[in-house]
């Protein structure tokens, strides 16, 4: 758990395990691992920020595309307005207004 802190506290001096390396080597390895973890955490934070930006850009573009087409439908319905298709035009007009309100 010490590797997630601000400094590698696990690198304190002490006896090496099984006599395979001295305390200095152990501290160096611990420090290098800690530095690598900090680099990975930094990269992960940058990727998360980029992902959030990408999602917001996508939603903005989607909203724009939907609004453009829904406004065209609404305008066409208002222009047609024939007596025979009045009920159908009202249904289409209402649906397009509801969808426009959803994405606005």
PDB file of N, CA and C in Angstrom:
ATOM      1  N   UNK A   1       0.810  -1.208   0.000  1.00  0.00           N
ATOM      2  CA  UNK A   1       0.000   0.000   0.000  1.00  0.00           C
ATOM      3  C   UNK A   1       0.844   1.258   0.000  1.00  0.00           C
ATOM      4  N   UNK A   2       2.102   1.142   0.375  1.00  0.00           N
ATOM      5  CA  UNK A   2       2.952   2.330   0.410  1.00  0.00           C
ATOM      6  C   UNK A   2       3.226   2.880  -0.980  1.00  0.00           C
ATOM      7  N   UNK A   3       3.046   2.082  -2.022  1.00  0.00           N
ATOM      8  CA  UNK A   3       3.344   2.534  -3.376  1.00  0.00           C
ATOM      9  C   UNK A   3       2.334   3.558  -3.874  1.00  0.00           C
ATOM     10  N   UNK A   4       1.187   3.647  -3.232  1.00  0.00           N
ATOM     11  CA  UNK A   4       0.174   4.589  -3.670  1.00  0.00           C
ATOM     12  C   UNK A   4       0.256   5.920  -2.937  1.00  0.00           C
ATOM     13  N   UNK A   5       1.149   6.023  -1.975  1.00  0.00           N
ATOM     14  CA  UNK A   5       1.299   7.265  -1.222  1.00  0.00           C
ATOM     15  C   UNK A   5       2.160   8.248  -2.006  1.00  0.00           C
ATOM     16  N   UNK A   6       2.392   9.393  -1.407  1.00  0.00           N
ATOM     17  CA  UNK A   6       3.177  10.423  -2.092  1.00  0.00           C
ATOM     18  C   UNK A   6       4.663  10.118  -2.117  1.00  0.00           C
ATOM     19  N   UNK A   7       5.110   9.231  -1.299  1.00  0.00           N
ATOM     20  CA  UNK A   7       6.522   8.845  -1.311  1.00  0.00           C
ATOM     21  C   UNK A   7       6.628   7.370  -0.970  1.00  0.00           C
ATOM     22  N   UNK A   8       7.675   6.750  -1.439  1.00  0.00           N
ATOM     23  CA  UNK A   8       7.823   5.311  -1.218  1.00  0.00           C
ATOM     24  C   UNK A   8       8.273   4.991   0.199  1.00  0.00           C
ATOM     25  N   UNK A   9       7.352   4.984   1.140  1.00  0.00           N
ATOM     26  CA  UNK A   9       7.674   4.737   2.537  1.00  0.00           C
ATOM     27  C   UNK A   9       8.164   3.313   2.772  1.00  0.00           C
ATOM     28  N   UNK A  10       7.860   2.439   1.839  1.00  0.00           N
ATOM     29  CA  UNK A  10       8.305   1.057   1.991  1.00  0.00           C
ATOM     30  C   UNK A  10       9.806   0.936   1.802  1.00  0.00           C
ATOM     31  N   UNK A  11      10.421   2.008   1.363  1.00  0.00           N
ATOM     32  CA  UNK A  11      11.850   1.961   1.060  1.00  0.00           C
ATOM     33  C   UNK A  11      12.709   2.330   2.253  1.00  0.00           C
ATOM     34  N   UNK A  12      12.171   2.233   3.420  1.00  0.00           N
ATOM     35  CA  UNK A  12      12.978   2.549   4.594  1.00  0.00           C
ATOM     36  C   UNK A  12      14.051   1.492   4.761  1.00  0.00           C
ATOM     37  N   UNK A  13      15.083   1.872   5.438  1.00  0.00           N
ATOM     38  CA  UNK A  13      16.190   0.931   5.596  1.00  0.00           C
ATOM     39  C   UNK A  13      15.759  -0.233   6.466  1.00  0.00           C
ATOM     40  N   UNK A  14      16.322  -1.332   6.208  1.00  0.00           N
ATOM     41  CA  UNK A  14      15.986  -2.537   6.956  1.00  0.00           C
ATOM     42  C   UNK A  14      16.722  -3.702   6.358  1.00  0.00           C
ATOM     43  N   UNK A  15      16.510  -4.827   6.921  1.00  0.00           N
ATOM     44  CA  UNK A  15      17.227  -6.000   6.410  1.00  0.00           C
ATOM     45  C   UNK A  15      16.619  -6.445   5.101  1.00  0.00           C
ATOM     46  N   UNK A  16      17.445  -6.918   4.216  1.00  0.00           N
ATOM     47  CA  UNK A  16      16.963  -7.398   2.930  1.00  0.00           C
ATOM     48  C   UNK A  16      16.420  -8.803   3.101  1.00  0.00           C
ATOM     49  N   UNK A  17      15.488  -9.165   2.254  1.00  0.00           N
ATOM     50  CA  UNK A  17      14.883 -10.486   2.373  1.00  0.00           C
ATOM     51  C   UNK A  17      15.832 -11.540   1.838  1.00  0.00           C
ATOM     52  N   UNK A  18      16.048 -12.559   2.607  1.00  0.00           N
ATOM     53  CA  UNK A  18      16.862 -13.723   2.258  1.00  0.00           C
ATOM     54  C   UNK A  18      18.283 -13.353   1.864  1.00  0.00           C
ATOM     55  N   UNK A  19      18.727 -12.145   2.180  1.00  0.00           N
ATOM     56  CA  UNK A  19      20.095 -11.742   1.907  1.00  0.00           C
ATOM     57  C   UNK A  19      20.429 -11.627   0.437  1.00  0.00           C
ATOM     58  N   UNK A  20      19.404 -11.459  -0.445  1.00  0.00           N
ATOM     59  CA  UNK A  20      19.670 -11.395  -1.876  1.00  0.00           C
ATOM     60  C   UNK A  20      20.052 -10.013  -2.354  1.00  0.00           C
ATOM     61  N   UNK A  21      19.692  -8.967  -1.622  1.00  0.00           N
ATOM     62  CA  UNK A  21      20.102  -7.622  -2.015  1.00  0.00           C
ATOM     63  C   UNK A  21      20.227  -6.772  -0.770  1.00  0.00           C
ATOM     64  N   UNK A  22      21.020  -5.728  -0.891  1.00  0.00           N
ATOM     65  CA  UNK A  22      21.190  -4.868   0.274  1.00  0.00           C
ATOM     66  C   UNK A  22      20.059  -3.843   0.346  1.00  0.00           C
ATOM     67  N   UNK A  23      20.016  -3.097   1.428  1.00  0.00           N
ATOM     68  CA  UNK A  23      18.957  -2.114   1.632  1.00  0.00           C
ATOM     69  C   UNK A  23      18.932  -1.055   0.550  1.00  0.00           C
ATOM     70  N   UNK A  24      20.102  -0.651   0.063  1.00  0.00           N
ATOM     71  CA  UNK A  24      20.159   0.369  -0.989  1.00  0.00           C
ATOM     72  C   UNK A  24      19.524  -0.115  -2.280  1.00  0.00           C
ATOM     73  N   UNK A  25      19.788  -1.356  -2.652  1.00  0.00           N
ATOM     74  CA  UNK A  25      19.198  -1.921  -3.868  1.00  0.00           C
ATOM     75  C   UNK A  25      17.685  -2.027  -3.712  1.00  0.00           C
ATOM     76  N   UNK A  26      17.280  -2.459  -2.539  1.00  0.00           N
ATOM     77  CA  UNK A  26      15.843  -2.592  -2.260  1.00  0.00           C
ATOM     78  C   UNK A  26      15.166  -1.236  -2.351  1.00  0.00           C
ATOM     79  N   UNK A  27      15.792  -0.204  -1.793  1.00  0.00           N
ATOM     80  CA  UNK A  27      15.223   1.142  -1.862  1.00  0.00           C
ATOM     81  C   UNK A  27      15.157   1.647  -3.295  1.00  0.00           C
ATOM     82  N   UNK A  28      16.193   1.371  -4.073  1.00  0.00           N
ATOM     83  CA  UNK A  28      16.214   1.809  -5.469  1.00  0.00           C
ATOM     84  C   UNK A  28      15.094   1.150  -6.267  1.00  0.00           C
ATOM     85  N   UNK A  29      14.939  -0.157  -6.106  1.00  0.00           N
ATOM     86  CA  UNK A  29      13.874  -0.876  -6.823  1.00  0.00           C
ATOM     87  C   UNK A  29      12.512  -0.348  -6.400  1.00  0.00           C
ATOM     88  N   UNK A  30      12.337  -0.157  -5.103  1.00  0.00           N
ATOM     89  CA  UNK A  30      11.067   0.369  -4.597  1.00  0.00           C
ATOM     90  C   UNK A  30      10.793   1.754  -5.180  1.00  0.00           C
ATOM     91  N   UNK A  31      11.780   2.601  -5.211  1.00  0.00           N
ATOM     92  CA  UNK A  31      11.622   3.950  -5.757  1.00  0.00           C
ATOM     93  C   UNK A  31      11.265   3.897  -7.244  1.00  0.00           C
ATOM     94  N   UNK A  32      11.916   3.038  -8.006  1.00  0.00           N
ATOM     95  CA  UNK A  32      11.623   2.926  -9.439  1.00  0.00           C
ATOM     96  C   UNK A  32      10.200   2.436  -9.681  1.00  0.00           C
ATOM     97  N   UNK A  33       9.759   1.464  -8.892  1.00  0.00           N
ATOM     98  CA  UNK A  33       8.385   0.963  -9.018  1.00  0.00           C
ATOM     99  C   UNK A  33       7.399   2.072  -8.671  1.00  0.00           C
ATOM    100  N   UNK A  34       7.680   2.791  -7.599  1.00  0.00           N
ATOM    101  CA  UNK A  34       6.807   3.885  -7.187  1.00  0.00           C
ATOM    102  C   UNK A  34       6.725   4.949  -8.288  1.00  0.00           C
ATOM    103  N   UNK A  35       7.861   5.290  -8.890  1.00  0.00           N
ATOM    104  CA  UNK A  35       7.871   6.295  -9.956  1.00  0.00           C
ATOM    105  C   UNK A  35       7.067   5.822 -11.162  1.00  0.00           C
ATOM    106  N   UNK A  36       7.170   4.549 -11.492  1.00  0.00           N
ATOM    107  CA  UNK A  36       6.409   3.997 -12.625  1.00  0.00           C
ATOM    108  C   UNK A  36       4.910   4.055 -12.338  1.00  0.00           C
ATOM    109  N   UNK A  37       4.530   3.742 -11.115  1.00  0.00           N
ATOM    110  CA  UNK A  37       3.111   3.796 -10.744  1.00  0.00           C
ATOM    111  C   UNK A  37       2.601   5.227 -10.856  1.00  0.00           C
ATOM    112  N   UNK A  38       3.368   6.194 -10.406  1.00  0.00           N
ATOM    113  CA  UNK A  38       2.952   7.596 -10.505  1.00  0.00           C
ATOM    114  C   UNK A  38       2.794   8.016 -11.978  1.00  0.00           C
ATOM    115  N   UNK A  39       3.710   7.546 -12.847  1.00  0.00           N
ATOM    116  CA  UNK A  39       3.599   7.859 -14.275  1.00  0.00           C
ATOM    117  C   UNK A  39       2.325   7.262 -14.866  1.00  0.00           C
ATOM    118  N   UNK A  40       2.029   6.035 -14.517  1.00  0.00           N
ATOM    119  CA  UNK A  40       0.826   5.364 -15.024  1.00  0.00           C
ATOM    120  C   UNK A  40      -0.425   6.068 -14.522  1.00  0.00           C
ATOM    121  N   UNK A  41      -0.421   6.491 -13.257  1.00  0.00           N
ATOM    122  CA  UNK A  41      -1.561   7.224 -12.718  1.00  0.00           C
ATOM    123  C   UNK A  41      -1.766   8.538 -13.466  1.00  0.00           C
ATOM    124  N   UNK A  42      -0.693   9.215 -13.792  1.00  0.00           N
ATOM    125  CA  UNK A  42      -0.776  10.462 -14.534  1.00  0.00           C
ATOM    126  C   UNK A  42      -1.338  10.236 -15.939  1.00  0.00           C
ATOM    127  N   UNK A  43      -0.862   9.200 -16.606  1.00  0.00           N
ATOM    128  CA  UNK A  43      -1.365   8.862 -17.939  1.00  0.00           C
ATOM    129  C   UNK A  43      -2.841   8.492 -17.898  1.00  0.00           C
ATOM    130  N   UNK A  44      -3.247   7.755 -16.874  1.00  0.00           N
ATOM    131  CA  UNK A  44      -4.642   7.372 -16.721  1.00  0.00           C
ATOM    132  C   UNK A  44      -5.525   8.605 -16.535  1.00  0.00           C
ATOM    133  N   UNK A  45      -5.094   9.545 -15.734  1.00  0.00           N
ATOM    134  CA  UNK A  45      -5.857  10.777 -15.525  1.00  0.00           C
ATOM    135  C   UNK A  45      -6.020  11.542 -16.842  1.00  0.00           C
ATOM    136  N   UNK A  46      -4.952  11.600 -17.636  1.00  0.00           N
ATOM    137  CA  UNK A  46      -5.022  12.292 -18.933  1.00  0.00           C
ATOM    138  C   UNK A  46      -5.991  11.585 -19.875  1.00  0.00           C
ATOM    139  N   UNK A  47      -5.963  10.261 -19.883  1.00  0.00           N
ATOM    140  CA  UNK A  47      -6.885   9.498 -20.731  1.00  0.00           C
ATOM    141  C   UNK A  47      -8.333   9.688 -20.297  1.00  0.00           C
ATOM    142  N   UNK A  48      -8.577   9.755 -18.998  1.00  0.00           N
ATOM    143  CA  UNK A  48      -9.938   9.960 -18.504  1.00  0.00           C
ATOM    144  C   UNK A  48     -10.450  11.336 -18.913  1.00  0.00           C
ATOM    145  N   UNK A  49      -9.600  12.342 -18.843  1.00  0.00           N
ATOM    146  CA  UNK A  49      -9.990  13.683 -19.263  1.00  0.00           C
ATOM    147  C   UNK A  49     -10.291  13.702 -20.756  1.00  0.00           C
ATOM    148  N   UNK A  50      -9.451  13.055 -21.554  1.00  0.00           N
ATOM    149  CA  UNK A  50      -9.675  12.989 -22.998  1.00  0.00           C
ATOM    150  C   UNK A  50     -10.983  12.280 -23.314  1.00  0.00           C
ATOM    151  N   UNK A  51     -11.277  11.201 -22.595  1.00  0.00           N
ATOM    152  CA  UNK A  51     -12.513  10.448 -22.811  1.00  0.00           C
ATOM    153  C   UNK A  51     -13.721  11.322 -22.514  1.00  0.00           C
ATOM    154  N   UNK A  52     -13.672  12.073 -21.423  1.00  0.00           N
ATOM    155  CA  UNK A  52     -14.778  12.966 -21.084  1.00  0.00           C
ATOM    156  C   UNK A  52     -14.973  14.025 -22.159  1.00  0.00           C
ATOM    157  N   UNK A  53     -13.881  14.581 -22.660  1.00  0.00           N
ATOM    158  CA  UNK A  53     -13.963  15.574 -23.729  1.00  0.00           C
ATOM    159  C   UNK A  53     -14.574  14.967 -24.995  1.00  0.00           C
ATOM    160  N   UNK A  54     -14.174  13.735 -25.317  1.00  0.00           N
ATOM    161  CA  UNK A  54     -14.706  13.055 -26.500  1.00  0.00           C
ATOM    162  C   UNK A  54     -16.205  12.809 -26.372  1.00  0.00           C
ATOM    163  N   UNK A  55     -16.655  12.406 -25.191  1.00  0.00           N
ATOM    164  CA  UNK A  55     -18.078  12.149 -24.964  1.00  0.00           C
ATOM    165  C   UNK A  55     -18.869  13.445 -25.113  1.00  0.00           C
ATOM    166  N   UNK A  56     -18.378  14.527 -24.522  1.00  0.00           N
ATOM    167  CA  UNK A  56     -19.070  15.811 -24.630  1.00  0.00           C
ATOM    168  C   UNK A  56     -19.123  16.301 -26.074  1.00  0.00           C
ATOM    169  N   UNK A  57     -18.033  16.127 -26.810  1.00  0.00           N
ATOM    170  CA  UNK A  57     -18.008  16.526 -28.225  1.00  0.00           C
ATOM    171  C   UNK A  57     -19.016  15.712 -29.031  1.00  0.00           C
ATOM    172  N   UNK A  58     -19.069  14.394 -28.767  1.00  0.00           N
ATOM    173  CA  UNK A  58     -20.017  13.526 -29.470  1.00  0.00           C
ATOM    174  C   UNK A  58     -21.461  13.958 -29.191  1.00  0.00           C
ATOM    175  N   UNK A  59     -21.778  14.189 -27.915  1.00  0.00           N
ATOM    176  CA  UNK A  59     -23.142  14.577 -27.561  1.00  0.00           C
ATOM    177  C   UNK A  59     -23.511  15.928 -28.163  1.00  0.00           C
ATOM    178  N   UNK A  60     -22.562  16.836 -28.204  1.00  0.00           N
ATOM    179  CA  UNK A  60     -22.813  18.138 -28.810  1.00  0.00           C
ATOM    180  C   UNK A  60     -23.107  17.994 -30.304  1.00  0.00           C
ATOM    181  N   UNK A  61     -22.313  17.192 -30.992  1.00  0.00           N
ATOM    182  CA  UNK A  61     -22.533  16.965 -32.425  1.00  0.00           C
ATOM    183  C   UNK A  61     -23.858  16.261 -32.675  1.00  0.00           C
ATOM    184  N   UNK A  62     -24.187  15.275 -31.845  1.00  0.00           N
ATOM    185  CA  UNK A  62     -25.449  14.547 -31.989  1.00  0.00           C
ATOM    186  C   UNK A  62     -26.627  15.494 -31.802  1.00  0.00           C
ATOM    187  N   UNK A  63     -26.570  16.326 -30.789  1.00  0.00           N
ATOM    188  CA  UNK A  63     -27.640  17.280 -30.534  1.00  0.00           C
ATOM    189  C   UNK A  63     -27.813  18.237 -31.719  1.00  0.00           C
ATOM    190  N   UNK A  64     -26.689  18.716 -32.252  1.00  0.00           N
ATOM    191  CA  UNK A  64     -26.758  19.624 -33.401  1.00  0.00           C
ATOM    192  C   UNK A  64     -27.417  18.944 -34.597  1.00  0.00           C
ATOM    193  N   UNK A  65     -26.992  17.720 -34.896  1.00  0.00           N
ATOM    194  CA  UNK A  65     -27.552  16.999 -36.051  1.00  0.00           C
ATOM    195  C   UNK A  65     -29.042  16.731 -35.879  1.00  0.00           C
ATOM    196  N   UNK A  66     -29.452  16.325 -34.683  1.00  0.00           N
ATOM    197  CA  UNK A  66     -30.871  16.068 -34.435  1.00  0.00           C
ATOM    198  C   UNK A  66     -31.687  17.348 -34.542  1.00  0.00           C
ATOM    199  N   UNK A  67     -31.183  18.411 -33.934  1.00  0.00           N
ATOM    200  CA  UNK A  67     -31.912  19.682 -33.980  1.00  0.00           C
ATOM    201  C   UNK A  67     -32.077  20.193 -35.409  1.00  0.00           C
ATOM    202  N   UNK A  68     -31.045  20.074 -36.211  1.00  0.00           N
ATOM    203  CA  UNK A  68     -31.114  20.545 -37.599  1.00  0.00           C
ATOM    204  C   UNK A  68     -32.231  19.833 -38.350  1.00  0.00           C
ATOM    205  N   UNK A  69     -32.261  18.518 -38.244  1.00  0.00           N
ATOM    206  CA  UNK A  69     -33.275  17.747 -38.965  1.00  0.00           C
ATOM    207  C   UNK A  69     -34.671  17.923 -38.381  1.00  0.00           C
ATOM    208  N   UNK A  70     -34.764  18.004 -37.068  1.00  0.00           N
ATOM    209  CA  UNK A  70     -36.080  18.203 -36.462  1.00  0.00           C
ATOM    210  C   UNK A  70     -36.647  19.575 -36.805  1.00  0.00           C
ATOM    211  N   UNK A  71     -35.784  20.577 -36.877  1.00  0.00           N
ATOM    212  CA  UNK A  71     -36.258  21.896 -37.288  1.00  0.00           C
ATOM    213  C   UNK A  71     -36.731  21.890 -38.738  1.00  0.00           C
ATOM    214  N   UNK A  72     -36.078  21.114 -39.593  1.00  0.00           N
ATOM    215  CA  UNK A  72     -36.524  20.989 -40.984  1.00  0.00           C
ATOM    216  C   UNK A  72     -37.892  20.314 -41.046  1.00  0.00           C
ATOM    217  N   UNK A  73     -38.101  19.289 -40.248  1.00  0.00           N
ATOM    218  CA  UNK A  73     -39.402  18.603 -40.215  1.00  0.00           C
ATOM    219  C   UNK A  73     -40.483  19.564 -39.739  1.00  0.00           C
ATOM    220  N   UNK A  74     -40.196  20.284 -38.684  1.00  0.00           N
ATOM    221  CA  UNK A  74     -41.174  21.227 -38.143  1.00  0.00           C
ATOM    222  C   UNK A  74     -41.538  22.277 -39.180  1.00  0.00           C
ATOM    223  N   UNK A  75     -40.546  22.805 -39.863  1.00  0.00           N
ATOM    224  CA  UNK A  75     -40.807  23.801 -40.901  1.00  0.00           C
ATOM    225  C   UNK A  75     -41.623  23.246 -42.051  1.00  0.00           C
ATOM    226  N   UNK A  76     -41.325  22.037 -42.476  1.00  0.00           N
ATOM    227  CA  UNK A  76     -42.069  21.411 -43.572  1.00  0.00           C
ATOM    228  C   UNK A  76     -43.517  21.185 -43.177  1.00  0.00           C
ATOM    229  N   UNK A  77     -43.738  20.733 -41.956  1.00  0.00           N
ATOM    230  CA  UNK A  77     -45.101  20.492 -41.479  1.00  0.00           C
ATOM    231  C   UNK A  77     -45.884  21.801 -41.471  1.00  0.00           C
ATOM    232  N   UNK A  78     -45.249  22.866 -41.040  1.00  0.00           N
ATOM    233  CA  UNK A  78     -45.934  24.154 -41.006  1.00  0.00           C
ATOM    234  C   UNK A  78     -46.267  24.649 -42.402  1.00  0.00           C
ATOM    235  N   UNK A  79     -45.449  24.320 -43.386  1.00  0.00           N
ATOM    236  CA  UNK A  79     -45.678  24.777 -44.759  1.00  0.00           C
ATOM    237  C   UNK A  79     -46.762  23.961 -45.454  1.00  0.00           C
ATOM    238  N   UNK A  80     -46.859  22.662 -45.157  1.00  0.00           N
ATOM    239  CA  UNK A  80     -47.824  21.803 -45.852  1.00  0.00           C
ATOM    240  C   UNK A  80     -49.240  22.200 -45.463  1.00  0.00           C
ATOM    241  N   UNK A  81     -49.617  21.936 -44.253  1.00  0.00           N
ATOM    242  CA  UNK A  81     -50.884  22.369 -43.684  1.00  0.00           C
ATOM    243  C   UNK A  81     -52.130  22.171 -44.518  1.00  0.00           C
ATOM    244  N   UNK A  82     -52.219  21.157 -45.379  1.00  0.00           N
ATOM    245  CA  UNK A  82     -53.431  20.900 -46.164  1.00  0.00           C
ATOM    246  C   UNK A  82     -54.555  20.376 -45.290  1.00  0.00           C
ATOM    247  N   UNK A  83     -55.824  20.609 -45.706  1.00  0.00           N
ATOM    248  CA  UNK A  83     -56.986  20.203 -44.922  1.00  0.00           C
ATOM    249  C   UNK A  83     -57.081  18.688 -44.781  1.00  0.00           C
ATOM    250  N   UNK A  84     -56.760  17.914 -45.832  1.00  0.00           N
ATOM    251  CA  UNK A  84     -56.906  16.455 -45.796  1.00  0.00           C
ATOM    252  C   UNK A  84     -55.948  15.808 -44.798  1.00  0.00           C
ATOM    253  N   UNK A  85     -54.780  16.346 -44.691  1.00  0.00           N
ATOM    254  CA  UNK A  85     -53.764  15.728 -43.840  1.00  0.00           C
ATOM    255  C   UNK A  85     -53.530  16.497 -42.542  1.00  0.00           C
ATOM    256  N   UNK A  86     -54.497  17.302 -42.148  1.00  0.00           N
ATOM    257  CA  UNK A  86     -54.316  18.169 -40.990  1.00  0.00           C
ATOM    258  C   UNK A  86     -54.008  17.368 -39.724  1.00  0.00           C
ATOM    259  N   UNK A  87     -54.753  16.289 -39.478  1.00  0.00           N
ATOM    260  CA  UNK A  87     -54.523  15.505 -38.265  1.00  0.00           C
ATOM    261  C   UNK A  87     -53.118  14.890 -38.275  1.00  0.00           C
ATOM    262  N   UNK A  88     -52.716  14.339 -39.414  1.00  0.00           N
ATOM    263  CA  UNK A  88     -51.389  13.733 -39.517  1.00  0.00           C
ATOM    264  C   UNK A  88     -50.299  14.789 -39.349  1.00  0.00           C
ATOM    265  N   UNK A  89     -50.493  15.949 -39.908  1.00  0.00           N
ATOM    266  CA  UNK A  89     -49.517  17.019 -39.780  1.00  0.00           C
ATOM    267  C   UNK A  89     -49.394  17.458 -38.322  1.00  0.00           C
ATOM    268  N   UNK A  90     -50.517  17.463 -37.589  1.00  0.00           N
ATOM    269  CA  UNK A  90     -50.479  17.827 -36.179  1.00  0.00           C
ATOM    270  C   UNK A  90     -49.695  16.795 -35.371  1.00  0.00           C
ATOM    271  N   UNK A  91     -49.879  15.522 -35.692  1.00  0.00           N
ATOM    272  CA  UNK A  91     -49.143  14.462 -35.000  1.00  0.00           C
ATOM    273  C   UNK A  91     -47.647  14.594 -35.273  1.00  0.00           C
ATOM    274  N   UNK A  92     -47.296  14.786 -36.536  1.00  0.00           N
ATOM    275  CA  UNK A  92     -45.881  14.939 -36.902  1.00  0.00           C
ATOM    276  C   UNK A  92     -45.296  16.186 -36.251  1.00  0.00           C
ATOM    277  N   UNK A  93     -46.034  17.269 -36.292  1.00  0.00           N
ATOM    278  CA  UNK A  93     -45.561  18.508 -35.687  1.00  0.00           C
ATOM    279  C   UNK A  93     -45.349  18.362 -34.189  1.00  0.00           C
ATOM    280  N   UNK A  94     -46.299  17.718 -33.527  1.00  0.00           N
ATOM    281  CA  UNK A  94     -46.165  17.515 -32.081  1.00  0.00           C
ATOM    282  C   UNK A  94     -44.948  16.639 -31.775  1.00  0.00           C
ATOM    283  N   UNK A  95     -44.790  15.546 -32.513  1.00  0.00           N
ATOM    284  CA  UNK A  95     -43.649  14.632 -32.274  1.00  0.00           C
ATOM    285  C   UNK A  95     -42.329  15.329 -32.502  1.00  0.00           C
ATOM    286  N   UNK A  96     -42.245  16.138 -33.536  1.00  0.00           N
ATOM    287  CA  UNK A  96     -40.975  16.823 -33.801  1.00  0.00           C
ATOM    288  C   UNK A  96     -40.679  17.856 -32.724  1.00  0.00           C
ATOM    289  N   UNK A  97     -41.720  18.551 -32.199  1.00  0.00           N
ATOM    290  CA  UNK A  97     -41.492  19.510 -31.126  1.00  0.00           C
ATOM    291  C   UNK A  97     -41.027  18.798 -29.845  1.00  0.00           C
ATOM    292  N   UNK A  98     -41.637  17.641 -29.539  1.00  0.00           N
ATOM    293  CA  UNK A  98     -41.223  16.886 -28.374  1.00  0.00           C
ATOM    294  C   UNK A  98     -39.757  16.456 -28.509  1.00  0.00           C
ATOM    295  N   UNK A  99     -39.377  15.959 -29.676  1.00  0.00           N
ATOM    296  CA  UNK A  99     -37.982  15.526 -29.879  1.00  0.00           C
ATOM    297  C   UNK A  99     -37.026  16.708 -29.817  1.00  0.00           C
ATOM    298  N   UNK A 100     -37.417  17.826 -30.370  1.00  0.00           N
ATOM    299  CA  UNK A 100     -36.562  19.014 -30.301  1.00  0.00           C
ATOM    300  C   UNK A 100     -36.347  19.430 -28.850  1.00  0.00           C
ATOM    301  N   UNK A 101     -37.400  19.407 -28.057  1.00  0.00           N
ATOM    302  CA  UNK A 101     -37.275  19.762 -26.636  1.00  0.00           C
ATOM    303  C   UNK A 101     -36.394  18.770 -25.894  1.00  0.00           C
ATOM    304  N   UNK A 102     -36.420  17.498 -26.269  1.00  0.00           N
ATOM    305  CA  UNK A 102     -35.598  16.490 -25.605  1.00  0.00           C
ATOM    306  C   UNK A 102     -34.105  16.726 -25.811  1.00  0.00           C
ATOM    307  N   UNK A 103     -33.720  17.145 -27.000  1.00  0.00           N
ATOM    308  CA  UNK A 103     -32.303  17.299 -27.299  1.00  0.00           C
ATOM    309  C   UNK A 103     -31.777  18.709 -27.085  1.00  0.00           C
ATOM    310  N   UNK A 104     -32.648  19.629 -26.780  1.00  0.00           N
ATOM    311  CA  UNK A 104     -32.213  21.024 -26.563  1.00  0.00           C
ATOM    312  C   UNK A 104     -31.745  21.220 -25.141  1.00  0.00           C
TER     313      UNK A 104
END
